[in-house]
Amino acid sequence: MANLVDFVNSEFVAKKDFPEFNSGDTITVYYEIKEGEKTRTQFFKGVVIQRRGSGATETFTIRKMSGSIGVERIFPINMPALQKIEVNQRGKVRRARIFYFRELTGKKAKIKERRY
């Protein structure tokens, strides 16, 4: 049964070519919003807190500060409305899921940039 699910995911789920990113990276996600008959593109820029799942069911969580309020949004990697993902800054973190980032404020909430 698992082989059948893997076959369907590999054959029928459209693969989008997004850049490689990990937790701690600052990315901008462009996605399409439908309002009645019109469609427009909106972006969400923030720090990746986690990536979860694999294959067709993979999701990633982004956190940004809107004023003094933290806003998080979960995006499925195979969402049809996703148009593109830009990696703005690579972050240097030691964990795959940086939930401790939620409690940090001010200068403590900065993530060092990873150098190549």
PDB file of N, CA and C in Angstrom:
ATOM      1  N   MET A   1       0.817  -1.190   0.000  1.00  0.00           N
ATOM      2  CA  MET A   1       0.000   0.000   0.000  1.00  0.00           C
ATOM      3  C   MET A   1       0.868   1.265   0.000  1.00  0.00           C
ATOM      4  N   ALA A   2       1.958   1.224   0.769  1.00  0.00           N
ATOM      5  CA  ALA A   2       2.847   2.387   0.821  1.00  0.00           C
ATOM      6  C   ALA A   2       3.490   2.636  -0.540  1.00  0.00           C
ATOM      7  N   ASN A   3       3.788   1.559  -1.267  1.00  0.00           N
ATOM      8  CA  ASN A   3       4.380   1.723  -2.587  1.00  0.00           C
ATOM      9  C   ASN A   3       3.416   2.407  -3.543  1.00  0.00           C
ATOM     10  N   LEU A   4       2.129   2.111  -3.413  1.00  0.00           N
ATOM     11  CA  LEU A   4       1.117   2.737  -4.266  1.00  0.00           C
ATOM     12  C   LEU A   4       1.018   4.238  -3.983  1.00  0.00           C
ATOM     13  N   VAL A   5       1.070   4.612  -2.716  1.00  0.00           N
ATOM     14  CA  VAL A   5       1.010   6.024  -2.344  1.00  0.00           C
ATOM     15  C   VAL A   5       2.241   6.759  -2.876  1.00  0.00           C
ATOM     16  N   ASP A   6       3.420   6.155  -2.735  1.00  0.00           N
ATOM     17  CA  ASP A   6       4.640   6.762  -3.252  1.00  0.00           C
ATOM     18  C   ASP A   6       4.589   6.908  -4.765  1.00  0.00           C
ATOM     19  N   PHE A   7       4.034   5.916  -5.446  1.00  0.00           N
ATOM     20  CA  PHE A   7       3.922   5.974  -6.902  1.00  0.00           C
ATOM     21  C   PHE A   7       3.027   7.121  -7.334  1.00  0.00           C
ATOM     22  N   VAL A   8       1.873   7.260  -6.680  1.00  0.00           N
ATOM     23  CA  VAL A   8       0.935   8.337  -7.038  1.00  0.00           C
ATOM     24  C   VAL A   8       1.561   9.704  -6.768  1.00  0.00           C
ATOM     25  N   ASN A   9       2.260   9.846  -5.635  1.00  0.00           N
ATOM     26  CA  ASN A   9       2.908  11.113  -5.312  1.00  0.00           C
ATOM     27  C   ASN A   9       3.993  11.464  -6.324  1.00  0.00           C
ATOM     28  N   SER A  10       4.767  10.483  -6.748  1.00  0.00           N
ATOM     29  CA  SER A  10       5.865  10.767  -7.666  1.00  0.00           C
ATOM     30  C   SER A  10       5.374  11.034  -9.085  1.00  0.00           C
ATOM     31  N   GLU A  11       4.265  10.415  -9.493  1.00  0.00           N
ATOM     32  CA  GLU A  11       3.791  10.559 -10.867  1.00  0.00           C
ATOM     33  C   GLU A  11       2.853  11.741 -11.069  1.00  0.00           C
ATOM     34  N   PHE A  12       1.938  11.976 -10.139  1.00  0.00           N
ATOM     35  CA  PHE A  12       0.854  12.908 -10.389  1.00  0.00           C
ATOM     36  C   PHE A  12       0.958  14.238  -9.663  1.00  0.00           C
ATOM     37  N   VAL A  13       1.821  14.343  -8.672  1.00  0.00           N
ATOM     38  CA  VAL A  13       1.978  15.610  -7.959  1.00  0.00           C
ATOM     39  C   VAL A  13       3.006  16.440  -8.713  1.00  0.00           C
ATOM     40  N   ALA A  14       2.621  17.650  -9.101  1.00  0.00           N
ATOM     41  CA  ALA A  14       3.509  18.524  -9.864  1.00  0.00           C
ATOM     42  C   ALA A  14       4.648  19.006  -8.978  1.00  0.00           C
ATOM     43  N   LYS A  15       5.867  18.837  -9.437  1.00  0.00           N
ATOM     44  CA  LYS A  15       7.036  19.270  -8.687  1.00  0.00           C
ATOM     45  C   LYS A  15       7.399  20.695  -9.107  1.00  0.00           C
ATOM     46  N   LYS A  16       7.557  21.569  -8.133  1.00  0.00           N
ATOM     47  CA  LYS A  16       7.991  22.932  -8.406  1.00  0.00           C
ATOM     48  C   LYS A  16       9.460  23.047  -8.036  1.00  0.00           C
ATOM     49  N   ASP A  17      10.163  23.871  -8.772  1.00  0.00           N
ATOM     50  CA  ASP A  17      11.597  24.021  -8.559  1.00  0.00           C
ATOM     51  C   ASP A  17      11.855  25.226  -7.669  1.00  0.00           C
ATOM     52  N   PHE A  18      11.959  24.985  -6.361  1.00  0.00           N
ATOM     53  CA  PHE A  18      12.229  26.036  -5.390  1.00  0.00           C
ATOM     54  C   PHE A  18      13.668  25.922  -4.916  1.00  0.00           C
ATOM     55  N   PRO A  19      14.278  27.039  -4.488  1.00  0.00           N
ATOM     56  CA  PRO A  19      15.648  26.957  -3.972  1.00  0.00           C
ATOM     57  C   PRO A  19      15.693  26.198  -2.645  1.00  0.00           C
ATOM     58  N   GLU A  20      16.858  25.713  -2.328  1.00  0.00           N
ATOM     59  CA  GLU A  20      17.050  24.976  -1.081  1.00  0.00           C
ATOM     60  C   GLU A  20      17.124  25.968   0.077  1.00  0.00           C
ATOM     61  N   PHE A  21      16.362  25.714   1.137  1.00  0.00           N
ATOM     62  CA  PHE A  21      16.396  26.560   2.330  1.00  0.00           C
ATOM     63  C   PHE A  21      16.180  25.688   3.550  1.00  0.00           C
ATOM     64  N   ASN A  22      16.665  26.179   4.688  1.00  0.00           N
ATOM     65  CA  ASN A  22      16.579  25.448   5.949  1.00  0.00           C
ATOM     66  C   ASN A  22      16.050  26.369   7.035  1.00  0.00           C
ATOM     67  N   SER A  23      15.906  25.840   8.238  1.00  0.00           N
ATOM     68  CA  SER A  23      15.450  26.681   9.338  1.00  0.00           C
ATOM     69  C   SER A  23      16.530  27.713   9.661  1.00  0.00           C
ATOM     70  N   GLY A  24      16.093  28.897  10.030  1.00  0.00           N
ATOM     71  CA  GLY A  24      16.997  29.997  10.296  1.00  0.00           C
ATOM     72  C   GLY A  24      17.193  30.917   9.114  1.00  0.00           C
ATOM     73  N   ASP A  25      16.814  30.476   7.911  1.00  0.00           N
ATOM     74  CA  ASP A  25      16.953  31.315   6.723  1.00  0.00           C
ATOM     75  C   ASP A  25      15.823  32.326   6.655  1.00  0.00           C
ATOM     76  N   THR A  26      16.126  33.497   6.139  1.00  0.00           N
ATOM     77  CA  THR A  26      15.096  34.514   5.895  1.00  0.00           C
ATOM     78  C   THR A  26      14.687  34.393   4.437  1.00  0.00           C
ATOM     79  N   ILE A  27      13.396  34.121   4.204  1.00  0.00           N
ATOM     80  CA  ILE A  27      12.921  33.921   2.843  1.00  0.00           C
ATOM     81  C   ILE A  27      11.701  34.798   2.578  1.00  0.00           C
ATOM     82  N   THR A  28      11.428  35.007   1.300  1.00  0.00           N
ATOM     83  CA  THR A  28      10.225  35.695   0.858  1.00  0.00           C
ATOM     84  C   THR A  28       9.430  34.720   0.014  1.00  0.00           C
ATOM     85  N   VAL A  29       8.175  34.500   0.386  1.00  0.00           N
ATOM     86  CA  VAL A  29       7.295  33.587  -0.325  1.00  0.00           C
ATOM     87  C   VAL A  29       6.253  34.417  -1.068  1.00  0.00           C
ATOM     88  N   TYR A  30       6.176  34.236  -2.367  1.00  0.00           N
ATOM     89  CA  TYR A  30       5.169  34.901  -3.190  1.00  0.00           C
ATOM     90  C   TYR A  30       4.063  33.903  -3.479  1.00  0.00           C
ATOM     91  N   TYR A  31       2.824  34.282  -3.161  1.00  0.00           N
ATOM     92  CA  TYR A  31       1.700  33.381  -3.394  1.00  0.00           C
ATOM     93  C   TYR A  31       0.514  34.162  -3.928  1.00  0.00           C
ATOM     94  N   GLU A  32      -0.376  33.450  -4.583  1.00  0.00           N
ATOM     95  CA  GLU A  32      -1.505  34.047  -5.275  1.00  0.00           C
ATOM     96  C   GLU A  32      -2.734  34.043  -4.378  1.00  0.00           C
ATOM     97  N   ILE A  33      -3.458  35.165  -4.376  1.00  0.00           N
ATOM     98  CA  ILE A  33      -4.688  35.280  -3.597  1.00  0.00           C
ATOM     99  C   ILE A  33      -5.818  35.595  -4.549  1.00  0.00           C
ATOM    100  N   LYS A  34      -6.933  34.882  -4.400  1.00  0.00           N
ATOM    101  CA  LYS A  34      -8.110  35.150  -5.213  1.00  0.00           C
ATOM    102  C   LYS A  34      -9.117  35.918  -4.379  1.00  0.00           C
ATOM    103  N   GLU A  35      -9.523  37.060  -4.890  1.00  0.00           N
ATOM    104  CA  GLU A  35     -10.544  37.875  -4.233  1.00  0.00           C
ATOM    105  C   GLU A  35     -11.681  38.059  -5.229  1.00  0.00           C
ATOM    106  N   GLY A  36     -12.687  37.222  -5.138  1.00  0.00           N
ATOM    107  CA  GLY A  36     -13.782  37.271  -6.099  1.00  0.00           C
ATOM    108  C   GLY A  36     -13.300  36.791  -7.458  1.00  0.00           C
ATOM    109  N   GLU A  37     -13.357  37.657  -8.454  1.00  0.00           N
ATOM    110  CA  GLU A  37     -12.905  37.321  -9.800  1.00  0.00           C
ATOM    111  C   GLU A  37     -11.423  37.640 -10.008  1.00  0.00           C
ATOM    112  N   LYS A  38     -10.873  38.510  -9.172  1.00  0.00           N
ATOM    113  CA  LYS A  38      -9.508  38.975  -9.361  1.00  0.00           C
ATOM    114  C   LYS A  38      -8.513  38.083  -8.622  1.00  0.00           C
ATOM    115  N   THR A  39      -7.306  38.014  -9.152  1.00  0.00           N
ATOM    116  CA  THR A  39      -6.205  37.347  -8.458  1.00  0.00           C
ATOM    117  C   THR A  39      -5.052  38.336  -8.353  1.00  0.00           C
ATOM    118  N   ARG A  40      -4.369  38.275  -7.221  1.00  0.00           N
ATOM    119  CA  ARG A  40      -3.212  39.139  -7.033  1.00  0.00           C
ATOM    120  C   ARG A  40      -2.126  38.363  -6.311  1.00  0.00           C
ATOM    121  N   THR A  41      -0.912  38.859  -6.401  1.00  0.00           N
ATOM    122  CA  THR A  41       0.227  38.218  -5.760  1.00  0.00           C
ATOM    123  C   THR A  41       0.564  38.955  -4.476  1.00  0.00           C
ATOM    124  N   GLN A  42       0.717  38.193  -3.408  1.00  0.00           N
ATOM    125  CA  GLN A  42       1.090  38.753  -2.111  1.00  0.00           C
ATOM    126  C   GLN A  42       2.351  38.053  -1.651  1.00  0.00           C
ATOM    127  N   PHE A  43       3.153  38.733  -0.856  1.00  0.00           N
ATOM    128  CA  PHE A  43       4.364  38.087  -0.359  1.00  0.00           C
ATOM    129  C   PHE A  43       4.364  38.063   1.163  1.00  0.00           C
ATOM    130  N   PHE A  44       5.114  37.109   1.709  1.00  0.00           N
ATOM    131  CA  PHE A  44       5.263  36.930   3.147  1.00  0.00           C
ATOM    132  C   PHE A  44       6.749  36.734   3.391  1.00  0.00           C
ATOM    133  N   LYS A  45       7.382  37.673   4.080  1.00  0.00           N
ATOM    134  CA  LYS A  45       8.820  37.617   4.316  1.00  0.00           C
ATOM    135  C   LYS A  45       9.075  37.385   5.793  1.00  0.00           C
ATOM    136  N   GLY A  46       9.858  36.360   6.103  1.00  0.00           N
ATOM    137  CA  GLY A  46      10.161  36.071   7.492  1.00  0.00           C
ATOM    138  C   GLY A  46      11.212  34.992   7.631  1.00  0.00           C
ATOM    139  N   VAL A  47      11.399  34.536   8.851  1.00  0.00           N
ATOM    140  CA  VAL A  47      12.399  33.527   9.187  1.00  0.00           C
ATOM    141  C   VAL A  47      11.738  32.161   9.211  1.00  0.00           C
ATOM    142  N   VAL A  48      12.396  31.177   8.607  1.00  0.00           N
ATOM    143  CA  VAL A  48      11.877  29.811   8.607  1.00  0.00           C
ATOM    144  C   VAL A  48      12.122  29.215   9.985  1.00  0.00           C
ATOM    145  N   ILE A  49      11.032  28.799  10.634  1.00  0.00           N
ATOM    146  CA  ILE A  49      11.141  28.204  11.967  1.00  0.00           C
ATOM    147  C   ILE A  49      11.336  26.697  11.874  1.00  0.00           C
ATOM    148  N   GLN A  50      10.631  26.070  10.941  1.00  0.00           N
ATOM    149  CA  GLN A  50      10.757  24.619  10.807  1.00  0.00           C
ATOM    150  C   GLN A  50      10.367  24.165   9.422  1.00  0.00           C
ATOM    151  N   ARG A  51      10.868  22.991   9.048  1.00  0.00           N
ATOM    152  CA  ARG A  51      10.386  22.254   7.885  1.00  0.00           C
ATOM    153  C   ARG A  51       9.920  20.907   8.409  1.00  0.00           C
ATOM    154  N   ARG A  52       8.765  20.488   7.967  1.00  0.00           N
ATOM    155  CA  ARG A  52       8.169  19.274   8.508  1.00  0.00           C
ATOM    156  C   ARG A  52       7.641  18.413   7.381  1.00  0.00           C
ATOM    157  N   GLY A  53       7.765  17.092   7.524  1.00  0.00           N
ATOM    158  CA  GLY A  53       7.246  16.162   6.540  1.00  0.00           C
ATOM    159  C   GLY A  53       8.236  15.909   5.426  1.00  0.00           C
ATOM    160  N   SER A  54       7.768  15.146   4.440  1.00  0.00           N
ATOM    161  CA  SER A  54       8.615  14.846   3.290  1.00  0.00           C
ATOM    162  C   SER A  54       7.736  14.565   2.088  1.00  0.00           C
ATOM    163  N   GLY A  55       8.299  14.757   0.921  1.00  0.00           N
ATOM    164  CA  GLY A  55       7.563  14.465  -0.308  1.00  0.00           C
ATOM    165  C   GLY A  55       6.441  15.450  -0.550  1.00  0.00           C
ATOM    166  N   ALA A  56       5.274  14.930  -0.882  1.00  0.00           N
ATOM    167  CA  ALA A  56       4.135  15.772  -1.250  1.00  0.00           C
ATOM    168  C   ALA A  56       3.508  16.457  -0.042  1.00  0.00           C
ATOM    169  N   THR A  57       3.754  15.937   1.151  1.00  0.00           N
ATOM    170  CA  THR A  57       3.112  16.492   2.343  1.00  0.00           C
ATOM    171  C   THR A  57       4.034  17.405   3.147  1.00  0.00           C
ATOM    172  N   GLU A  58       5.135  17.837   2.557  1.00  0.00           N
ATOM    173  CA  GLU A  58       6.092  18.673   3.285  1.00  0.00           C
ATOM    174  C   GLU A  58       5.538  20.081   3.475  1.00  0.00           C
ATOM    175  N   THR A  59       5.758  20.639   4.667  1.00  0.00           N
ATOM    176  CA  THR A  59       5.340  22.003   4.973  1.00  0.00           C
ATOM    177  C   THR A  59       6.500  22.752   5.612  1.00  0.00           C
ATOM    178  N   PHE A  60       6.427  24.069   5.580  1.00  0.00           N
ATOM    179  CA  PHE A  60       7.397  24.888   6.292  1.00  0.00           C
ATOM    180  C   PHE A  60       6.677  26.050   6.956  1.00  0.00           C
ATOM    181  N   THR A  61       7.197  26.464   8.111  1.00  0.00           N
ATOM    182  CA  THR A  61       6.590  27.523   8.911  1.00  0.00           C
ATOM    183  C   THR A  61       7.489  28.747   8.876  1.00  0.00           C
ATOM    184  N   ILE A  62       6.881  29.897   8.622  1.00  0.00           N
ATOM    185  CA  ILE A  62       7.613  31.162   8.576  1.00  0.00           C
ATOM    186  C   ILE A  62       7.065  32.083   9.655  1.00  0.00           C
ATOM    187  N   ARG A  63       7.957  32.802  10.313  1.00  0.00           N
ATOM    188  CA  ARG A  63       7.561  33.762  11.354  1.00  0.00           C
ATOM    189  C   ARG A  63       8.100  35.135  10.989  1.00  0.00           C
ATOM    190  N   LYS A  64       7.239  36.143  11.107  1.00  0.00           N
ATOM    191  CA  LYS A  64       7.665  37.519  10.907  1.00  0.00           C
ATOM    192  C   LYS A  64       7.065  38.377  12.001  1.00  0.00           C
ATOM    193  N   MET A  65       7.640  39.542  12.197  1.00  0.00           N
ATOM    194  CA  MET A  65       7.123  40.490  13.159  1.00  0.00           C
ATOM    195  C   MET A  65       6.334  41.547  12.411  1.00  0.00           C
ATOM    196  N   SER A  66       5.082  41.725  12.799  1.00  0.00           N
ATOM    197  CA  SER A  66       4.225  42.760  12.241  1.00  0.00           C
ATOM    198  C   SER A  66       3.981  43.766  13.355  1.00  0.00           C
ATOM    199  N   GLY A  67       4.781  44.824  13.357  1.00  0.00           N
ATOM    200  CA  GLY A  67       4.770  45.748  14.485  1.00  0.00           C
ATOM    201  C   GLY A  67       5.433  45.066  15.664  1.00  0.00           C
ATOM    202  N   SER A  68       4.697  44.906  16.752  1.00  0.00           N
ATOM    203  CA  SER A  68       5.238  44.199  17.909  1.00  0.00           C
ATOM    204  C   SER A  68       4.587  42.834  18.087  1.00  0.00           C
ATOM    205  N   ILE A  69       3.825  42.406  17.091  1.00  0.00           N
ATOM    206  CA  ILE A  69       3.118  41.131  17.157  1.00  0.00           C
ATOM    207  C   ILE A  69       3.770  40.144  16.203  1.00  0.00           C
ATOM    208  N   GLY A  70       4.048  38.945  16.691  1.00  0.00           N
ATOM    209  CA  GLY A  70       4.617  37.901  15.846  1.00  0.00           C
ATOM    210  C   GLY A  70       3.530  37.182  15.070  1.00  0.00           C
ATOM    211  N   VAL A  71       3.766  36.992  13.781  1.00  0.00           N
ATOM    212  CA  VAL A  71       2.809  36.315  12.913  1.00  0.00           C
ATOM    213  C   VAL A  71       3.500  35.109  12.298  1.00  0.00           C
ATOM    214  N   GLU A  72       2.862  33.944  12.398  1.00  0.00           N
ATOM    215  CA  GLU A  72       3.404  32.728  11.799  1.00  0.00           C
ATOM    216  C   GLU A  72       2.442  32.211  10.752  1.00  0.00           C
ATOM    217  N   ARG A  73       2.991  31.632   9.704  1.00  0.00           N
ATOM    218  CA  ARG A  73       2.164  31.063   8.646  1.00  0.00           C
ATOM    219  C   ARG A  73       2.801  29.766   8.192  1.00  0.00           C
ATOM    220  N   ILE A  74       1.975  28.755   7.976  1.00  0.00           N
ATOM    221  CA  ILE A  74       2.430  27.454   7.514  1.00  0.00           C
ATOM    222  C   ILE A  74       2.088  27.321   6.035  1.00  0.00           C
ATOM    223  N   PHE A  75       3.090  26.996   5.226  1.00  0.00           N
ATOM    224  CA  PHE A  75       2.906  26.818   3.797  1.00  0.00           C
ATOM    225  C   PHE A  75       3.197  25.367   3.420  1.00  0.00           C
ATOM    226  N   PRO A  76       2.286  24.697   2.709  1.00  0.00           N
ATOM    227  CA  PRO A  76       2.632  23.409   2.106  1.00  0.00           C
ATOM    228  C   PRO A  76       3.551  23.652   0.913  1.00  0.00           C
ATOM    229  N   ILE A  77       4.545  22.807   0.726  1.00  0.00           N
ATOM    230  CA  ILE A  77       5.520  23.011  -0.341  1.00  0.00           C
ATOM    231  C   ILE A  77       4.879  22.812  -1.717  1.00  0.00           C
ATOM    232  N   ASN A  78       3.818  22.014  -1.789  1.00  0.00           N
ATOM    233  CA  ASN A  78       3.150  21.747  -3.064  1.00  0.00           C
ATOM    234  C   ASN A  78       1.863  22.537  -3.228  1.00  0.00           C
ATOM    235  N   MET A  79       1.711  23.644  -2.529  1.00  0.00           N
ATOM    236  CA  MET A  79       0.515  24.463  -2.652  1.00  0.00           C
ATOM    237  C   MET A  79       0.455  25.059  -4.068  1.00  0.00           C
ATOM    238  N   PRO A  80      -0.660  24.893  -4.781  1.00  0.00           N
ATOM    239  CA  PRO A  80      -0.728  25.405  -6.151  1.00  0.00           C
ATOM    240  C   PRO A  80      -0.606  26.926  -6.235  1.00  0.00           C
ATOM    241  N   ALA A  81      -0.961  27.644  -5.181  1.00  0.00           N
ATOM    242  CA  ALA A  81      -0.913  29.101  -5.206  1.00  0.00           C
ATOM    243  C   ALA A  81       0.504  29.643  -5.033  1.00  0.00           C
ATOM    244  N   LEU A  82       1.466  28.814  -4.608  1.00  0.00           N
ATOM    245  CA  LEU A  82       2.842  29.285  -4.443  1.00  0.00           C
ATOM    246  C   LEU A  82       3.440  29.600  -5.805  1.00  0.00           C
ATOM    247  N   GLN A  83       3.967  30.812  -5.947  1.00  0.00           N
ATOM    248  CA  GLN A  83       4.574  31.191  -7.215  1.00  0.00           C
ATOM    249  C   GLN A  83       6.083  31.065  -7.180  1.00  0.00           C
ATOM    250  N   LYS A  84       6.711  31.672  -6.172  1.00  0.00           N
ATOM    251  CA  LYS A  84       8.158  31.532  -6.062  1.00  0.00           C
ATOM    252  C   LYS A  84       8.602  31.781  -4.631  1.00  0.00           C
ATOM    253  N   ILE A  85       9.803  31.314  -4.355  1.00  0.00           N
ATOM    254  CA  ILE A  85      10.428  31.498  -3.050  1.00  0.00           C
ATOM    255  C   ILE A  85      11.807  32.092  -3.288  1.00  0.00           C
ATOM    256  N   GLU A  86      12.107  33.189  -2.586  1.00  0.00           N
ATOM    257  CA  GLU A  86      13.426  33.808  -2.658  1.00  0.00           C
ATOM    258  C   GLU A  86      14.118  33.657  -1.316  1.00  0.00           C
ATOM    259  N   VAL A  87      15.368  33.242  -1.331  1.00  0.00           N
ATOM    260  CA  VAL A  87      16.158  33.167  -0.103  1.00  0.00           C
ATOM    261  C   VAL A  87      16.906  34.484   0.032  1.00  0.00           C
ATOM    262  N   ASN A  88      16.566  35.270   1.052  1.00  0.00           N
ATOM    263  CA  ASN A  88      17.178  36.577   1.251  1.00  0.00           C
ATOM    264  C   ASN A  88      18.470  36.481   2.050  1.00  0.00           C
ATOM    265  N   GLN A  89      18.476  35.618   3.080  1.00  0.00           N
ATOM    266  CA  GLN A  89      19.639  35.513   3.955  1.00  0.00           C
ATOM    267  C   GLN A  89      19.697  34.096   4.512  1.00  0.00           C
ATOM    268  N   ARG A  90      20.880  33.538   4.541  1.00  0.00           N
ATOM    269  CA  ARG A  90      21.085  32.216   5.135  1.00  0.00           C
ATOM    270  C   ARG A  90      21.423  32.407   6.609  1.00  0.00           C
ATOM    271  N   GLY A  91      20.725  31.680   7.478  1.00  0.00           N
ATOM    272  CA  GLY A  91      20.934  31.833   8.909  1.00  0.00           C
ATOM    273  C   GLY A  91      21.756  30.701   9.486  1.00  0.00           C
ATOM    274  N   LYS A  92      22.514  31.021  10.513  1.00  0.00           N
ATOM    275  CA  LYS A  92      23.338  30.028  11.196  1.00  0.00           C
ATOM    276  C   LYS A  92      22.641  29.642  12.496  1.00  0.00           C
ATOM    277  N   VAL A  93      22.003  28.478  12.511  1.00  0.00           N
ATOM    278  CA  VAL A  93      21.350  27.968  13.709  1.00  0.00           C
ATOM    279  C   VAL A  93      21.801  26.531  13.924  1.00  0.00           C
ATOM    280  N   ARG A  94      21.639  26.053  15.145  1.00  0.00           N
ATOM    281  CA  ARG A  94      22.096  24.708  15.483  1.00  0.00           C
ATOM    282  C   ARG A  94      20.975  23.691  15.521  1.00  0.00           C
ATOM    283  N   ARG A  95      19.749  24.133  15.384  1.00  0.00           N
ATOM    284  CA  ARG A  95      18.614  23.231  15.503  1.00  0.00           C
ATOM    285  C   ARG A  95      17.800  23.226  14.230  1.00  0.00           C
ATOM    286  N   ALA A  96      17.045  22.158  14.023  1.00  0.00           N
ATOM    287  CA  ALA A  96      16.177  22.056  12.853  1.00  0.00           C
ATOM    288  C   ALA A  96      14.864  22.788  13.082  1.00  0.00           C
ATOM    289  N   ARG A  97      14.440  22.873  14.324  1.00  0.00           N
ATOM    290  CA  ARG A  97      13.197  23.567  14.663  1.00  0.00           C
ATOM    291  C   ARG A  97      13.513  24.585  15.742  1.00  0.00           C
ATOM    292  N   ILE A  98      13.399  25.856  15.399  1.00  0.00           N
ATOM    293  CA  ILE A  98      13.859  26.911  16.309  1.00  0.00           C
ATOM    294  C   ILE A  98      12.664  27.592  16.971  1.00  0.00           C
ATOM    295  N   PHE A  99      11.932  26.811  17.773  1.00  0.00           N
ATOM    296  CA  PHE A  99      10.774  27.356  18.477  1.00  0.00           C
ATOM    297  C   PHE A  99      11.170  28.333  19.573  1.00  0.00           C
ATOM    298  N   TYR A 100      12.415  28.275  20.036  1.00  0.00           N
ATOM    299  CA  TYR A 100      12.877  29.227  21.038  1.00  0.00           C
ATOM    300  C   TYR A 100      12.886  30.647  20.477  1.00  0.00           C
ATOM    301  N   PHE A 101      12.861  30.777  19.167  1.00  0.00           N
ATOM    302  CA  PHE A 101      12.881  32.078  18.496  1.00  0.00           C
ATOM    303  C   PHE A 101      11.629  32.888  18.819  1.00  0.00           C
ATOM    304  N   ARG A 102      10.542  32.212  19.209  1.00  0.00           N
ATOM    305  CA  ARG A 102       9.283  32.899  19.512  1.00  0.00           C
ATOM    306  C   ARG A 102       9.392  33.792  20.738  1.00  0.00           C
ATOM    307  N   GLU A 103      10.197  33.411  21.714  1.00  0.00           N
ATOM    308  CA  GLU A 103      10.303  34.177  22.955  1.00  0.00           C
ATOM    309  C   GLU A 103      11.326  35.298  22.874  1.00  0.00           C
ATOM    310  N   LEU A 104      12.165  35.322  21.843  1.00  0.00           N
ATOM    311  CA  LEU A 104      13.224  36.315  21.758  1.00  0.00           C
ATOM    312  C   LEU A 104      12.694  37.628  21.194  1.00  0.00           C
ATOM    313  N   THR A 105      13.177  38.735  21.745  1.00  0.00           N
ATOM    314  CA  THR A 105      12.784  40.055  21.255  1.00  0.00           C
ATOM    315  C   THR A 105      14.030  40.928  21.130  1.00  0.00           C
ATOM    316  N   GLY A 106      13.931  41.955  20.316  1.00  0.00           N
ATOM    317  CA  GLY A 106      15.013  42.916  20.176  1.00  0.00           C
ATOM    318  C   GLY A 106      16.233  42.342  19.495  1.00  0.00           C
ATOM    319  N   LYS A 107      17.424  42.705  20.012  1.00  0.00           N
ATOM    320  CA  LYS A 107      18.672  42.255  19.394  1.00  0.00           C
ATOM    321  C   LYS A 107      18.904  40.760  19.575  1.00  0.00           C
ATOM    322  N   LYS A 108      18.280  40.176  20.587  1.00  0.00           N
ATOM    323  CA  LYS A 108      18.439  38.745  20.809  1.00  0.00           C
ATOM    324  C   LYS A 108      17.797  37.931  19.694  1.00  0.00           C
ATOM    325  N   ALA A 109      16.823  38.535  19.008  1.00  0.00           N
ATOM    326  CA  ALA A 109      16.083  37.822  17.968  1.00  0.00           C
ATOM    327  C   ALA A 109      16.803  37.831  16.625  1.00  0.00           C
ATOM    328  N   LYS A 110      18.032  38.339  16.584  1.00  0.00           N
ATOM    329  CA  LYS A 110      18.793  38.324  15.339  1.00  0.00           C
ATOM    330  C   LYS A 110      19.464  36.971  15.171  1.00  0.00           C
ATOM    331  N   ILE A 111      19.486  36.503  13.948  1.00  0.00           N
ATOM    332  CA  ILE A 111      20.169  35.254  13.625  1.00  0.00           C
ATOM    333  C   ILE A 111      21.394  35.601  12.800  1.00  0.00           C
ATOM    334  N   LYS A 112      22.546  35.039  13.187  1.00  0.00           N
ATOM    335  CA  LYS A 112      23.779  35.328  12.463  1.00  0.00           C
ATOM    336  C   LYS A 112      23.696  34.757  11.051  1.00  0.00           C
ATOM    337  N   GLU A 113      24.363  35.441  10.148  1.00  0.00           N
ATOM    338  CA  GLU A 113      24.366  34.994   8.763  1.00  0.00           C
ATOM    339  C   GLU A 113      25.423  33.918   8.565  1.00  0.00           C
ATOM    340  N   ARG A 114      25.047  32.887   7.820  1.00  0.00           N
ATOM    341  CA  ARG A 114      25.962  31.794   7.512  1.00  0.00           C
ATOM    342  C   ARG A 114      26.852  32.223   6.356  1.00  0.00           C
ATOM    343  N   ARG A 115      28.127  31.979   6.472  1.00  0.00           N
ATOM    344  CA  ARG A 115      29.068  32.368   5.422  1.00  0.00           C
ATOM    345  C   ARG A 115      29.542  31.139   4.686  1.00  0.00           C
ATOM    346  N   TYR A 116      29.842  31.331   3.416  1.00  0.00           N
ATOM    347  CA  TYR A 116      30.275  30.207   2.580  1.00  0.00           C
ATOM    348  C   TYR A 116      31.715  30.352   2.183  1.00  0.00           C
TER     349      TYR A 116
END
